[in-house]
Amino acid sequence: MSIRVEDLELPQLAEVKKQLDDELAHLTNSFSQLKQAQSKFKACVENVAEIKPANKNNIILVPLTNSLYVPGKLADSENVIVDVGTGYYVKKRRADATKHYGSKIDFVRKNLDSLEETIQKKQENLNILLAVMQQKMAAQQQ
């Protein structure tokens, strides 16, 4: 059973508006987090591309944390250690690591597209709701 928005009273419309606002805030936050994840995966692809046989035995900076690096020597230019999630790391060839992160980027992109569509629909619903609320308030003032 569906209820027409036009049949609701102003207090009920205000509740629906609050719920839509909350949903939009949550969806927008999720969208932002997915964008950040996508950027990190893209950076991983770029970082893997920097590990070349020509750089073998070069001194590099190895990150221990986001802001702490130590010098190290690139001993293996064919393999990298890939974070596969939940604290697990796997040794992969450079091409396989690039493929792994590429699939992650594609997965996130599909979710971003879907989420963007959902956000647009919710925004349209909110705009319709606001128009109905304005009509009802104008009718009450007359």
N, C-alpha and C. Protein backbone atom coordinates (compact mmCIF):
# COMPACT_ATOMS: atom_id res chain seq x y z
N MET A 1 0.85 -1.18 0.00
CA MET A 1 0.00 0.00 0.00
C MET A 1 0.90 1.24 0.00
N SER A 2 0.60 2.16 -0.88
CA SER A 2 1.38 3.39 -0.93
C SER A 2 0.51 4.57 -0.54
N ILE A 3 1.17 5.55 0.01
CA ILE A 3 0.48 6.76 0.44
C ILE A 3 0.98 7.91 -0.40
N ARG A 4 0.08 8.70 -0.89
CA ARG A 4 0.47 9.87 -1.69
C ARG A 4 0.99 10.95 -0.75
N VAL A 5 2.05 11.58 -1.18
CA VAL A 5 2.67 12.64 -0.37
C VAL A 5 1.69 13.80 -0.17
N GLU A 6 0.88 14.06 -1.16
CA GLU A 6 -0.07 15.17 -1.09
C GLU A 6 -1.13 14.95 0.00
N ASP A 7 -1.34 13.70 0.40
CA ASP A 7 -2.36 13.39 1.42
C ASP A 7 -1.84 13.56 2.85
N LEU A 8 -0.56 13.76 3.02
CA LEU A 8 0.02 13.89 4.36
C LEU A 8 -0.13 15.33 4.87
N GLU A 9 -0.21 15.44 6.19
CA GLU A 9 -0.25 16.76 6.83
C GLU A 9 1.18 17.29 7.00
N LEU A 10 1.30 18.58 7.28
CA LEU A 10 2.63 19.20 7.40
C LEU A 10 3.54 18.53 8.42
N PRO A 11 3.07 18.19 9.63
CA PRO A 11 3.96 17.51 10.58
C PRO A 11 4.48 16.17 10.04
N GLN A 12 3.61 15.45 9.35
CA GLN A 12 4.04 14.18 8.76
C GLN A 12 5.04 14.43 7.63
N LEU A 13 4.81 15.45 6.84
CA LEU A 13 5.73 15.80 5.77
C LEU A 13 7.09 16.19 6.33
N ALA A 14 7.08 16.90 7.46
CA ALA A 14 8.33 17.30 8.10
C ALA A 14 9.11 16.06 8.55
N GLU A 15 8.41 15.05 9.06
CA GLU A 15 9.07 13.80 9.47
C GLU A 15 9.68 13.08 8.27
N VAL A 16 8.93 13.03 7.18
CA VAL A 16 9.43 12.38 5.97
C VAL A 16 10.65 13.14 5.45
N LYS A 17 10.60 14.47 5.51
CA LYS A 17 11.73 15.30 5.06
C LYS A 17 12.96 15.01 5.91
N LYS A 18 12.77 14.92 7.22
CA LYS A 18 13.90 14.62 8.12
C LYS A 18 14.51 13.26 7.77
N GLN A 19 13.64 12.29 7.52
CA GLN A 19 14.13 10.95 7.16
C GLN A 19 14.90 10.99 5.84
N LEU A 20 14.38 11.71 4.85
CA LEU A 20 15.09 11.83 3.57
C LEU A 20 16.42 12.55 3.74
N ASP A 21 16.43 13.61 4.55
CA ASP A 21 17.68 14.33 4.81
C ASP A 21 18.72 13.41 5.45
N ASP A 22 18.29 12.61 6.42
CA ASP A 22 19.20 11.67 7.08
C ASP A 22 19.74 10.64 6.09
N GLU A 23 18.85 10.11 5.25
CA GLU A 23 19.27 9.12 4.25
C GLU A 23 20.26 9.74 3.26
N LEU A 24 19.96 10.96 2.83
CA LEU A 24 20.86 11.63 1.88
C LEU A 24 22.22 11.89 2.50
N ALA A 25 22.25 12.29 3.76
CA ALA A 25 23.52 12.53 4.45
C ALA A 25 24.33 11.23 4.53
N HIS A 26 23.66 10.14 4.87
CA HIS A 26 24.34 8.84 4.97
C HIS A 26 24.87 8.40 3.60
N LEU A 27 24.04 8.52 2.57
CA LEU A 27 24.45 8.12 1.23
C LEU A 27 25.59 8.97 0.71
N THR A 28 25.54 10.26 0.98
CA THR A 28 26.60 11.17 0.54
C THR A 28 27.91 10.84 1.25
N ASN A 29 27.84 10.51 2.53
CA ASN A 29 29.02 10.11 3.28
C ASN A 29 29.60 8.81 2.71
N SER A 30 28.74 7.86 2.41
CA SER A 30 29.19 6.60 1.82
C SER A 30 29.85 6.85 0.46
N PHE A 31 29.27 7.74 -0.32
CA PHE A 31 29.83 8.09 -1.62
C PHE A 31 31.23 8.66 -1.46
N SER A 32 31.39 9.53 -0.50
CA SER A 32 32.70 10.14 -0.23
C SER A 32 33.72 9.08 0.18
N GLN A 33 33.31 8.15 1.03
CA GLN A 33 34.23 7.10 1.46
C GLN A 33 34.62 6.19 0.30
N LEU A 34 33.68 5.90 -0.58
CA LEU A 34 34.00 5.08 -1.75
C LEU A 34 34.96 5.81 -2.68
N LYS A 35 34.78 7.12 -2.83
CA LYS A 35 35.69 7.91 -3.66
C LYS A 35 37.10 7.86 -3.09
N GLN A 36 37.22 7.94 -1.76
CA GLN A 36 38.53 7.85 -1.12
C GLN A 36 39.16 6.48 -1.36
N ALA A 37 38.36 5.43 -1.24
CA ALA A 37 38.87 4.07 -1.48
C ALA A 37 39.34 3.94 -2.92
N GLN A 38 38.57 4.49 -3.85
CA GLN A 38 38.94 4.43 -5.26
C GLN A 38 40.27 5.15 -5.48
N SER A 39 40.45 6.30 -4.85
CA SER A 39 41.70 7.04 -4.98
C SER A 39 42.88 6.24 -4.43
N LYS A 40 42.67 5.56 -3.32
CA LYS A 40 43.75 4.75 -2.74
C LYS A 40 44.13 3.59 -3.67
N PHE A 41 43.13 2.94 -4.26
CA PHE A 41 43.42 1.85 -5.19
C PHE A 41 44.16 2.36 -6.42
N LYS A 42 43.76 3.53 -6.91
CA LYS A 42 44.46 4.12 -8.06
C LYS A 42 45.91 4.44 -7.69
N ALA A 43 46.12 4.93 -6.48
CA ALA A 43 47.49 5.22 -6.02
C ALA A 43 48.30 3.92 -5.94
N CYS A 44 47.66 2.83 -5.54
CA CYS A 44 48.35 1.54 -5.48
C CYS A 44 48.81 1.11 -6.87
N VAL A 45 47.95 1.29 -7.87
CA VAL A 45 48.32 0.94 -9.25
C VAL A 45 49.53 1.77 -9.68
N GLU A 46 49.51 3.07 -9.36
CA GLU A 46 50.63 3.95 -9.71
C GLU A 46 51.90 3.52 -8.98
N ASN A 47 51.77 3.15 -7.72
CA ASN A 47 52.94 2.73 -6.94
C ASN A 47 53.53 1.43 -7.49
N VAL A 48 52.69 0.49 -7.87
CA VAL A 48 53.18 -0.77 -8.44
C VAL A 48 53.92 -0.48 -9.75
N ALA A 49 53.41 0.48 -10.53
CA ALA A 49 54.05 0.83 -11.80
C ALA A 49 55.45 1.42 -11.58
N GLU A 50 55.69 1.99 -10.42
CA GLU A 50 57.00 2.59 -10.12
C GLU A 50 58.06 1.55 -9.78
N ILE A 51 57.63 0.34 -9.47
CA ILE A 51 58.59 -0.72 -9.14
C ILE A 51 58.99 -1.39 -10.44
N LYS A 52 60.16 -1.05 -10.91
CA LYS A 52 60.65 -1.53 -12.20
C LYS A 52 62.00 -2.23 -11.99
N PRO A 53 62.33 -3.15 -12.87
CA PRO A 53 63.64 -3.81 -12.76
C PRO A 53 64.80 -2.80 -12.75
N ALA A 54 64.62 -1.67 -13.41
CA ALA A 54 65.68 -0.65 -13.44
C ALA A 54 65.92 -0.05 -12.06
N ASN A 55 64.93 -0.15 -11.18
CA ASN A 55 65.06 0.43 -9.84
C ASN A 55 65.60 -0.56 -8.81
N LYS A 56 65.90 -1.79 -9.24
CA LYS A 56 66.40 -2.81 -8.32
C LYS A 56 67.68 -2.33 -7.65
N ASN A 57 67.78 -2.58 -6.35
CA ASN A 57 68.89 -2.20 -5.49
C ASN A 57 68.99 -0.69 -5.24
N ASN A 58 68.03 0.08 -5.70
CA ASN A 58 67.99 1.51 -5.37
C ASN A 58 67.48 1.69 -3.95
N ILE A 59 67.90 2.77 -3.33
CA ILE A 59 67.40 3.12 -2.00
C ILE A 59 66.04 3.79 -2.17
N ILE A 60 65.06 3.30 -1.41
CA ILE A 60 63.71 3.86 -1.44
C ILE A 60 63.26 4.16 -0.02
N LEU A 61 62.18 4.93 0.11
CA LEU A 61 61.59 5.17 1.42
C LEU A 61 60.42 4.20 1.59
N VAL A 62 60.46 3.46 2.69
CA VAL A 62 59.44 2.46 2.98
C VAL A 62 58.52 3.03 4.06
N PRO A 63 57.21 3.11 3.78
CA PRO A 63 56.29 3.66 4.78
C PRO A 63 56.03 2.67 5.92
N LEU A 64 56.22 3.15 7.14
CA LEU A 64 55.86 2.35 8.31
C LEU A 64 54.46 2.74 8.80
N THR A 65 54.16 4.03 8.71
CA THR A 65 52.83 4.57 9.00
C THR A 65 52.55 5.63 7.93
N ASN A 66 51.43 6.34 8.07
CA ASN A 66 51.12 7.39 7.10
C ASN A 66 52.13 8.52 7.10
N SER A 67 52.83 8.69 8.20
CA SER A 67 53.76 9.82 8.28
C SER A 67 55.19 9.42 8.67
N LEU A 68 55.48 8.12 8.71
CA LEU A 68 56.81 7.67 9.11
C LEU A 68 57.38 6.74 8.04
N TYR A 69 58.53 7.13 7.49
CA TYR A 69 59.20 6.36 6.44
C TYR A 69 60.62 6.04 6.88
N VAL A 70 61.12 4.89 6.43
CA VAL A 70 62.50 4.51 6.71
C VAL A 70 63.16 4.15 5.38
N PRO A 71 64.46 4.37 5.27
CA PRO A 71 65.13 4.00 4.02
C PRO A 71 65.25 2.49 3.90
N GLY A 72 65.14 2.01 2.67
CA GLY A 72 65.28 0.59 2.40
C GLY A 72 65.80 0.39 0.99
N LYS A 73 66.20 -0.83 0.69
CA LYS A 73 66.73 -1.14 -0.64
C LYS A 73 65.73 -2.05 -1.35
N LEU A 74 65.42 -1.71 -2.60
CA LEU A 74 64.50 -2.51 -3.39
C LEU A 74 65.24 -3.77 -3.87
N ALA A 75 64.96 -4.90 -3.22
CA ALA A 75 65.66 -6.14 -3.52
C ALA A 75 64.94 -6.97 -4.59
N ASP A 76 63.62 -6.93 -4.60
CA ASP A 76 62.84 -7.74 -5.54
C ASP A 76 61.95 -6.80 -6.35
N SER A 77 62.29 -6.63 -7.61
CA SER A 77 61.52 -5.70 -8.45
C SER A 77 60.43 -6.41 -9.24
N GLU A 78 60.26 -7.71 -9.06
CA GLU A 78 59.24 -8.46 -9.80
C GLU A 78 57.99 -8.76 -8.97
N ASN A 79 58.13 -8.72 -7.65
CA ASN A 79 57.02 -9.07 -6.77
C ASN A 79 56.75 -7.95 -5.78
N VAL A 80 55.48 -7.85 -5.38
CA VAL A 80 55.08 -6.87 -4.37
C VAL A 80 54.20 -7.58 -3.34
N ILE A 81 54.05 -6.96 -2.19
CA ILE A 81 53.16 -7.47 -1.16
C ILE A 81 51.86 -6.66 -1.25
N VAL A 82 50.74 -7.37 -1.42
CA VAL A 82 49.44 -6.74 -1.63
C VAL A 82 48.56 -6.96 -0.41
N ASP A 83 47.96 -5.88 0.07
CA ASP A 83 46.99 -5.96 1.16
C ASP A 83 45.67 -6.44 0.56
N VAL A 84 45.25 -7.66 0.90
CA VAL A 84 44.01 -8.21 0.36
C VAL A 84 42.84 -8.02 1.32
N GLY A 85 43.05 -7.31 2.41
CA GLY A 85 41.98 -6.99 3.34
C GLY A 85 42.09 -7.73 4.65
N THR A 86 41.45 -7.16 5.66
CA THR A 86 41.39 -7.70 7.03
C THR A 86 42.74 -8.14 7.56
N GLY A 87 43.78 -7.39 7.23
CA GLY A 87 45.10 -7.65 7.77
C GLY A 87 45.87 -8.77 7.09
N TYR A 88 45.42 -9.23 5.94
CA TYR A 88 46.12 -10.28 5.21
C TYR A 88 46.88 -9.68 4.03
N TYR A 89 48.10 -10.15 3.86
CA TYR A 89 48.96 -9.68 2.78
C TYR A 89 49.41 -10.88 1.96
N VAL A 90 49.49 -10.67 0.64
CA VAL A 90 49.86 -11.74 -0.27
C VAL A 90 50.95 -11.25 -1.21
N LYS A 91 51.93 -12.11 -1.46
CA LYS A 91 52.97 -11.78 -2.42
C LYS A 91 52.42 -12.02 -3.82
N LYS A 92 52.52 -11.00 -4.69
CA LYS A 92 52.02 -11.11 -6.07
C LYS A 92 53.04 -10.53 -7.03
N ARG A 93 53.00 -11.03 -8.25
CA ARG A 93 53.82 -10.44 -9.31
C ARG A 93 53.23 -9.06 -9.61
N ARG A 94 54.05 -8.17 -10.14
CA ARG A 94 53.59 -6.80 -10.41
C ARG A 94 52.34 -6.77 -11.28
N ALA A 95 52.32 -7.56 -12.34
CA ALA A 95 51.16 -7.58 -13.25
C ALA A 95 49.90 -8.05 -12.53
N ASP A 96 50.05 -9.07 -11.67
CA ASP A 96 48.90 -9.58 -10.92
C ASP A 96 48.41 -8.55 -9.90
N ALA A 97 49.33 -7.82 -9.30
CA ALA A 97 48.95 -6.77 -8.34
C ALA A 97 48.19 -5.67 -9.06
N THR A 98 48.67 -5.28 -10.23
CA THR A 98 47.98 -4.25 -11.01
C THR A 98 46.58 -4.72 -11.39
N LYS A 99 46.47 -5.98 -11.79
CA LYS A 99 45.16 -6.56 -12.15
C LYS A 99 44.25 -6.58 -10.92
N HIS A 100 44.80 -6.96 -9.78
CA HIS A 100 44.03 -7.01 -8.52
C HIS A 100 43.45 -5.62 -8.19
N TYR A 101 44.31 -4.61 -8.21
CA TYR A 101 43.84 -3.26 -7.88
C TYR A 101 42.93 -2.71 -8.96
N GLY A 102 43.15 -3.10 -10.21
CA GLY A 102 42.26 -2.69 -11.29
C GLY A 102 40.85 -3.22 -11.08
N SER A 103 40.75 -4.48 -10.64
CA SER A 103 39.42 -5.04 -10.38
C SER A 103 38.75 -4.36 -9.19
N LYS A 104 39.55 -3.98 -8.20
CA LYS A 104 39.01 -3.24 -7.06
C LYS A 104 38.47 -1.89 -7.51
N ILE A 105 39.21 -1.20 -8.38
CA ILE A 105 38.78 0.10 -8.90
C ILE A 105 37.47 -0.05 -9.66
N ASP A 106 37.37 -1.08 -10.50
CA ASP A 106 36.13 -1.32 -11.26
C ASP A 106 34.95 -1.61 -10.34
N PHE A 107 35.19 -2.42 -9.31
CA PHE A 107 34.13 -2.75 -8.36
C PHE A 107 33.63 -1.49 -7.65
N VAL A 108 34.55 -0.66 -7.20
CA VAL A 108 34.17 0.57 -6.50
C VAL A 108 33.45 1.51 -7.46
N ARG A 109 33.93 1.58 -8.72
CA ARG A 109 33.28 2.46 -9.70
C ARG A 109 31.83 2.05 -9.93
N LYS A 110 31.57 0.75 -10.04
CA LYS A 110 30.20 0.27 -10.22
C LYS A 110 29.33 0.65 -9.03
N ASN A 111 29.88 0.50 -7.83
CA ASN A 111 29.14 0.88 -6.62
C ASN A 111 28.90 2.38 -6.57
N LEU A 112 29.90 3.15 -7.00
CA LEU A 112 29.73 4.61 -7.04
C LEU A 112 28.63 5.00 -8.02
N ASP A 113 28.60 4.37 -9.19
CA ASP A 113 27.55 4.67 -10.17
C ASP A 113 26.17 4.36 -9.61
N SER A 114 26.04 3.21 -8.97
CA SER A 114 24.77 2.81 -8.38
C SER A 114 24.36 3.76 -7.25
N LEU A 115 25.33 4.11 -6.42
CA LEU A 115 25.06 5.00 -5.30
C LEU A 115 24.69 6.40 -5.79
N GLU A 116 25.36 6.86 -6.83
CA GLU A 116 25.05 8.18 -7.39
C GLU A 116 23.61 8.22 -7.91
N GLU A 117 23.18 7.13 -8.55
CA GLU A 117 21.81 7.04 -9.05
C GLU A 117 20.81 7.08 -7.89
N THR A 118 21.12 6.36 -6.82
CA THR A 118 20.26 6.36 -5.64
C THR A 118 20.18 7.75 -5.01
N ILE A 119 21.32 8.42 -4.93
CA ILE A 119 21.34 9.78 -4.35
C ILE A 119 20.49 10.72 -5.20
N GLN A 120 20.59 10.61 -6.51
CA GLN A 120 19.79 11.47 -7.39
C GLN A 120 18.30 11.23 -7.20
N LYS A 121 17.90 9.96 -7.07
CA LYS A 121 16.49 9.64 -6.85
C LYS A 121 16.00 10.20 -5.52
N LYS A 122 16.82 10.04 -4.49
CA LYS A 122 16.44 10.57 -3.17
C LYS A 122 16.32 12.10 -3.22
N GLN A 123 17.24 12.73 -3.95
CA GLN A 123 17.21 14.20 -4.08
C GLN A 123 15.95 14.64 -4.81
N GLU A 124 15.57 13.90 -5.85
CA GLU A 124 14.33 14.20 -6.57
C GLU A 124 13.13 14.05 -5.65
N ASN A 125 13.11 12.98 -4.86
CA ASN A 125 12.02 12.77 -3.90
C ASN A 125 11.95 13.93 -2.90
N LEU A 126 13.10 14.36 -2.44
CA LEU A 126 13.15 15.48 -1.50
C LEU A 126 12.63 16.75 -2.14
N ASN A 127 13.00 17.00 -3.39
CA ASN A 127 12.52 18.20 -4.08
C ASN A 127 11.00 18.18 -4.24
N ILE A 128 10.45 17.01 -4.58
CA ILE A 128 8.99 16.88 -4.70
C ILE A 128 8.34 17.13 -3.35
N LEU A 129 8.92 16.56 -2.32
CA LEU A 129 8.39 16.74 -0.96
C LEU A 129 8.40 18.21 -0.55
N LEU A 130 9.50 18.89 -0.85
CA LEU A 130 9.60 20.32 -0.50
C LEU A 130 8.56 21.14 -1.26
N ALA A 131 8.31 20.80 -2.51
CA ALA A 131 7.30 21.52 -3.29
C ALA A 131 5.91 21.33 -2.68
N VAL A 132 5.60 20.11 -2.26
CA VAL A 132 4.31 19.83 -1.63
C VAL A 132 4.19 20.60 -0.31
N MET A 133 5.29 20.60 0.46
CA MET A 133 5.28 21.33 1.74
C MET A 133 5.04 22.83 1.51
N GLN A 134 5.68 23.39 0.50
CA GLN A 134 5.49 24.81 0.20
C GLN A 134 4.05 25.10 -0.21
N GLN A 135 3.45 24.21 -0.99
CA GLN A 135 2.07 24.39 -1.40
C GLN A 135 1.14 24.36 -0.20
N LYS A 136 1.40 23.42 0.69
CA LYS A 136 0.54 23.29 1.90
C LYS A 136 0.71 24.50 2.82
N MET A 137 1.93 25.00 2.95
CA MET A 137 2.14 26.18 3.80
C MET A 137 1.49 27.41 3.18
N ALA A 138 1.55 27.54 1.88
CA ALA A 138 0.92 28.67 1.20
C ALA A 138 -0.59 28.58 1.34
N ALA A 139 -1.13 27.38 1.27
CA ALA A 139 -2.57 27.19 1.42
C ALA A 139 -3.02 27.52 2.84
N GLN A 140 -2.20 27.20 3.83
CA GLN A 140 -2.54 27.50 5.23
C GLN A 140 -2.49 28.99 5.50
N GLN A 141 -1.62 29.72 4.84
CA GLN A 141 -1.49 31.15 5.07
C GLN A 141 -2.64 31.92 4.44
N GLN A 142 -3.32 31.32 3.49
CA GLN A 142 -4.45 32.02 2.84
C GLN A 142 -5.70 31.72 3.54
